[in-house]
N, C-alpha and C. Protein backbone atom coordinates (compact mmCIF):
# COMPACT_ATOMS: atom_id res chain seq x y z
N UNK A 1 -20.11 19.62 -13.79
CA UNK A 1 -19.14 18.57 -13.60
C UNK A 1 -19.27 18.04 -12.18
N UNK A 2 -19.32 16.72 -12.01
CA UNK A 2 -19.49 16.11 -10.70
C UNK A 2 -18.18 16.05 -9.93
N UNK A 3 -18.29 15.64 -8.70
CA UNK A 3 -17.13 15.50 -7.83
C UNK A 3 -16.31 14.28 -8.27
N UNK A 4 -15.00 14.41 -8.28
CA UNK A 4 -14.11 13.31 -8.67
C UNK A 4 -13.99 12.31 -7.52
N UNK A 5 -13.80 11.03 -7.86
CA UNK A 5 -13.60 10.02 -6.81
C UNK A 5 -12.33 10.34 -6.00
N UNK A 6 -12.33 10.06 -4.70
CA UNK A 6 -11.17 10.36 -3.87
C UNK A 6 -9.87 9.74 -4.40
N UNK A 7 -9.93 8.52 -4.94
CA UNK A 7 -8.72 7.87 -5.46
C UNK A 7 -8.13 8.65 -6.63
N UNK A 8 -8.98 9.22 -7.46
CA UNK A 8 -8.52 10.02 -8.60
C UNK A 8 -7.86 11.30 -8.11
N UNK A 9 -8.45 11.93 -7.12
CA UNK A 9 -7.89 13.16 -6.55
C UNK A 9 -6.54 12.86 -5.90
N UNK A 10 -6.44 11.75 -5.16
CA UNK A 10 -5.19 11.38 -4.51
C UNK A 10 -4.10 11.11 -5.54
N UNK A 11 -4.41 10.33 -6.58
CA UNK A 11 -3.42 10.03 -7.62
C UNK A 11 -2.96 11.30 -8.32
N UNK A 12 -3.87 12.21 -8.59
CA UNK A 12 -3.50 13.48 -9.23
C UNK A 12 -2.61 14.31 -8.32
N UNK A 13 -2.90 14.30 -7.03
CA UNK A 13 -2.10 15.06 -6.07
C UNK A 13 -0.70 14.50 -5.90
N UNK A 14 -0.59 13.18 -5.96
CA UNK A 14 0.73 12.56 -5.82
C UNK A 14 1.55 12.72 -7.09
N UNK A 15 0.88 12.61 -8.22
CA UNK A 15 1.55 12.80 -9.51
C UNK A 15 2.84 12.01 -9.63
N UNK A 16 3.92 12.71 -9.92
CA UNK A 16 5.22 12.08 -10.12
C UNK A 16 6.10 12.13 -8.87
N UNK A 17 5.54 12.49 -7.74
CA UNK A 17 6.33 12.55 -6.51
C UNK A 17 6.91 11.19 -6.16
N UNK A 18 8.07 11.20 -5.52
CA UNK A 18 8.68 9.97 -5.04
C UNK A 18 8.45 9.91 -3.53
N UNK A 19 7.75 8.88 -3.09
CA UNK A 19 7.50 8.73 -1.66
C UNK A 19 7.20 7.28 -1.31
N UNK A 20 7.26 7.01 -0.02
CA UNK A 20 6.98 5.67 0.51
C UNK A 20 5.66 5.73 1.26
N UNK A 21 4.73 4.89 0.85
CA UNK A 21 3.43 4.77 1.50
C UNK A 21 3.52 3.58 2.46
N UNK A 22 3.34 3.82 3.75
CA UNK A 22 3.43 2.76 4.76
C UNK A 22 2.01 2.41 5.23
N UNK A 23 1.65 1.15 5.07
CA UNK A 23 0.33 0.65 5.49
C UNK A 23 0.56 -0.49 6.47
N UNK A 24 0.26 -0.26 7.73
CA UNK A 24 0.50 -1.23 8.79
C UNK A 24 -0.80 -1.96 9.12
N UNK A 25 -0.69 -3.24 9.46
CA UNK A 25 -1.87 -4.07 9.80
C UNK A 25 -2.89 -4.10 8.67
N UNK A 26 -2.39 -4.31 7.47
CA UNK A 26 -3.26 -4.23 6.29
C UNK A 26 -4.32 -5.33 6.26
N UNK A 27 -4.20 -6.36 7.10
CA UNK A 27 -5.23 -7.40 7.10
C UNK A 27 -6.60 -6.82 7.43
N UNK A 28 -6.63 -5.69 8.11
CA UNK A 28 -7.89 -5.04 8.45
C UNK A 28 -8.48 -4.27 7.26
N UNK A 29 -7.66 -4.06 6.24
CA UNK A 29 -8.08 -3.28 5.06
C UNK A 29 -7.92 -4.09 3.77
N UNK A 30 -7.95 -5.40 3.87
CA UNK A 30 -7.67 -6.25 2.72
C UNK A 30 -8.53 -5.93 1.50
N UNK A 31 -9.75 -5.49 1.70
CA UNK A 31 -10.61 -5.17 0.57
C UNK A 31 -10.13 -3.94 -0.19
N UNK A 32 -9.22 -3.16 0.42
CA UNK A 32 -8.68 -1.98 -0.25
C UNK A 32 -7.50 -2.32 -1.15
N UNK A 33 -7.12 -3.58 -1.19
CA UNK A 33 -5.98 -4.01 -2.01
C UNK A 33 -6.04 -3.54 -3.45
N UNK A 34 -7.15 -3.73 -4.16
CA UNK A 34 -7.22 -3.26 -5.55
C UNK A 34 -7.05 -1.75 -5.68
N UNK A 35 -7.55 -0.99 -4.72
CA UNK A 35 -7.40 0.47 -4.77
C UNK A 35 -5.95 0.88 -4.57
N UNK A 36 -5.25 0.20 -3.67
CA UNK A 36 -3.83 0.48 -3.44
C UNK A 36 -3.03 0.10 -4.69
N UNK A 37 -3.34 -1.04 -5.28
CA UNK A 37 -2.65 -1.47 -6.50
C UNK A 37 -2.87 -0.46 -7.63
N UNK A 38 -4.08 0.05 -7.77
CA UNK A 38 -4.37 1.05 -8.80
C UNK A 38 -3.61 2.34 -8.54
N UNK A 39 -3.51 2.75 -7.27
CA UNK A 39 -2.77 3.95 -6.92
C UNK A 39 -1.29 3.79 -7.27
N UNK A 40 -0.72 2.64 -6.94
CA UNK A 40 0.69 2.39 -7.26
C UNK A 40 0.93 2.35 -8.76
N UNK A 41 -0.03 1.83 -9.52
CA UNK A 41 0.10 1.80 -10.98
C UNK A 41 0.02 3.20 -11.57
N UNK A 42 -0.81 4.05 -10.98
CA UNK A 42 -1.01 5.41 -11.49
C UNK A 42 0.12 6.35 -11.07
N UNK A 43 0.84 6.00 -10.02
CA UNK A 43 1.89 6.88 -9.48
C UNK A 43 3.19 6.09 -9.40
N UNK A 44 3.96 6.05 -10.48
CA UNK A 44 5.17 5.22 -10.51
C UNK A 44 6.24 5.60 -9.50
N UNK A 45 6.20 6.80 -8.95
CA UNK A 45 7.18 7.21 -7.96
C UNK A 45 6.81 6.81 -6.54
N UNK A 46 5.65 6.19 -6.38
CA UNK A 46 5.20 5.79 -5.05
C UNK A 46 5.51 4.31 -4.85
N UNK A 47 6.14 4.00 -3.72
CA UNK A 47 6.39 2.61 -3.32
C UNK A 47 5.60 2.36 -2.05
N UNK A 48 5.27 1.11 -1.81
CA UNK A 48 4.48 0.78 -0.62
C UNK A 48 5.20 -0.25 0.24
N UNK A 49 5.17 -0.01 1.53
CA UNK A 49 5.63 -0.97 2.52
C UNK A 49 4.39 -1.35 3.30
N UNK A 50 3.98 -2.62 3.18
CA UNK A 50 2.71 -3.06 3.77
C UNK A 50 2.97 -4.21 4.74
N UNK A 51 2.46 -4.09 5.95
CA UNK A 51 2.55 -5.18 6.90
C UNK A 51 1.17 -5.81 7.07
N UNK A 52 1.18 -7.12 7.28
CA UNK A 52 -0.08 -7.85 7.44
C UNK A 52 0.21 -9.16 8.15
N UNK A 53 -0.71 -9.61 8.92
CA UNK A 53 -0.57 -10.91 9.57
C UNK A 53 -0.99 -12.04 8.63
N UNK A 54 -1.59 -11.69 7.50
CA UNK A 54 -1.97 -12.69 6.52
C UNK A 54 -1.33 -12.34 5.18
N UNK A 55 -1.09 -13.35 4.35
CA UNK A 55 -0.49 -13.11 3.04
C UNK A 55 -1.40 -12.25 2.20
N UNK A 56 -0.80 -11.32 1.47
CA UNK A 56 -1.58 -10.39 0.66
C UNK A 56 -1.94 -10.96 -0.70
N UNK A 57 -1.10 -11.84 -1.23
CA UNK A 57 -1.34 -12.48 -2.53
C UNK A 57 -1.57 -11.45 -3.63
N UNK A 58 -0.64 -10.52 -3.73
CA UNK A 58 -0.68 -9.52 -4.80
C UNK A 58 0.64 -9.55 -5.56
N UNK A 59 0.58 -9.20 -6.83
CA UNK A 59 1.78 -9.16 -7.65
C UNK A 59 2.78 -8.16 -7.12
N UNK A 60 4.05 -8.50 -7.16
CA UNK A 60 5.09 -7.60 -6.71
C UNK A 60 5.37 -7.68 -5.23
N UNK A 61 4.60 -8.49 -4.50
CA UNK A 61 4.80 -8.62 -3.07
C UNK A 61 6.05 -9.44 -2.79
N UNK A 62 6.77 -9.08 -1.75
CA UNK A 62 7.97 -9.81 -1.30
C UNK A 62 7.74 -10.22 0.14
N UNK A 63 7.10 -11.38 0.36
CA UNK A 63 6.79 -11.80 1.73
C UNK A 63 8.05 -12.01 2.56
N UNK A 64 8.00 -11.60 3.80
CA UNK A 64 9.07 -11.81 4.76
C UNK A 64 8.42 -12.16 6.09
N UNK A 65 8.81 -13.27 6.65
CA UNK A 65 8.20 -13.71 7.90
C UNK A 65 8.93 -13.16 9.12
N UNK A 66 8.22 -13.14 10.22
CA UNK A 66 8.78 -12.78 11.52
C UNK A 66 8.11 -13.63 12.56
N UNK A 67 8.88 -14.04 13.55
CA UNK A 67 8.32 -14.86 14.62
C UNK A 67 7.30 -14.04 15.41
N UNK A 68 6.21 -14.65 15.83
CA UNK A 68 5.23 -13.93 16.64
C UNK A 68 5.88 -13.32 17.88
N UNK A 69 5.61 -12.07 18.13
CA UNK A 69 6.15 -11.40 19.30
C UNK A 69 7.61 -11.00 19.17
N UNK A 70 8.20 -11.19 18.00
CA UNK A 70 9.61 -10.84 17.81
C UNK A 70 9.79 -9.34 17.92
N UNK A 71 10.82 -8.93 18.61
CA UNK A 71 11.11 -7.51 18.76
C UNK A 71 12.39 -7.18 18.01
N UNK A 72 12.50 -5.97 17.54
CA UNK A 72 13.71 -5.54 16.85
C UNK A 72 14.86 -5.48 17.84
N UNK A 73 16.02 -5.91 17.38
CA UNK A 73 17.22 -5.84 18.22
C UNK A 73 17.69 -4.40 18.32
N UNK A 74 18.15 -4.03 19.47
CA UNK A 74 18.70 -2.68 19.55
C UNK A 74 18.48 -2.06 20.80
């Protein structure tokens, strides 16, 4: 039996766990979009919070804008 793909191993490890996957500056990893979407489909308890300077154009995305250089109040 050959080695399983890393995405399959990750999905199996996450299983039914409930967790938040945070991916910051995703514009640098845009080609990984389909892999992230497949992971989210395989693991219904996983939610993703993704930041990007460019629109992701994926189903289920909720775009929210911020002014360049804006800092959190507090």
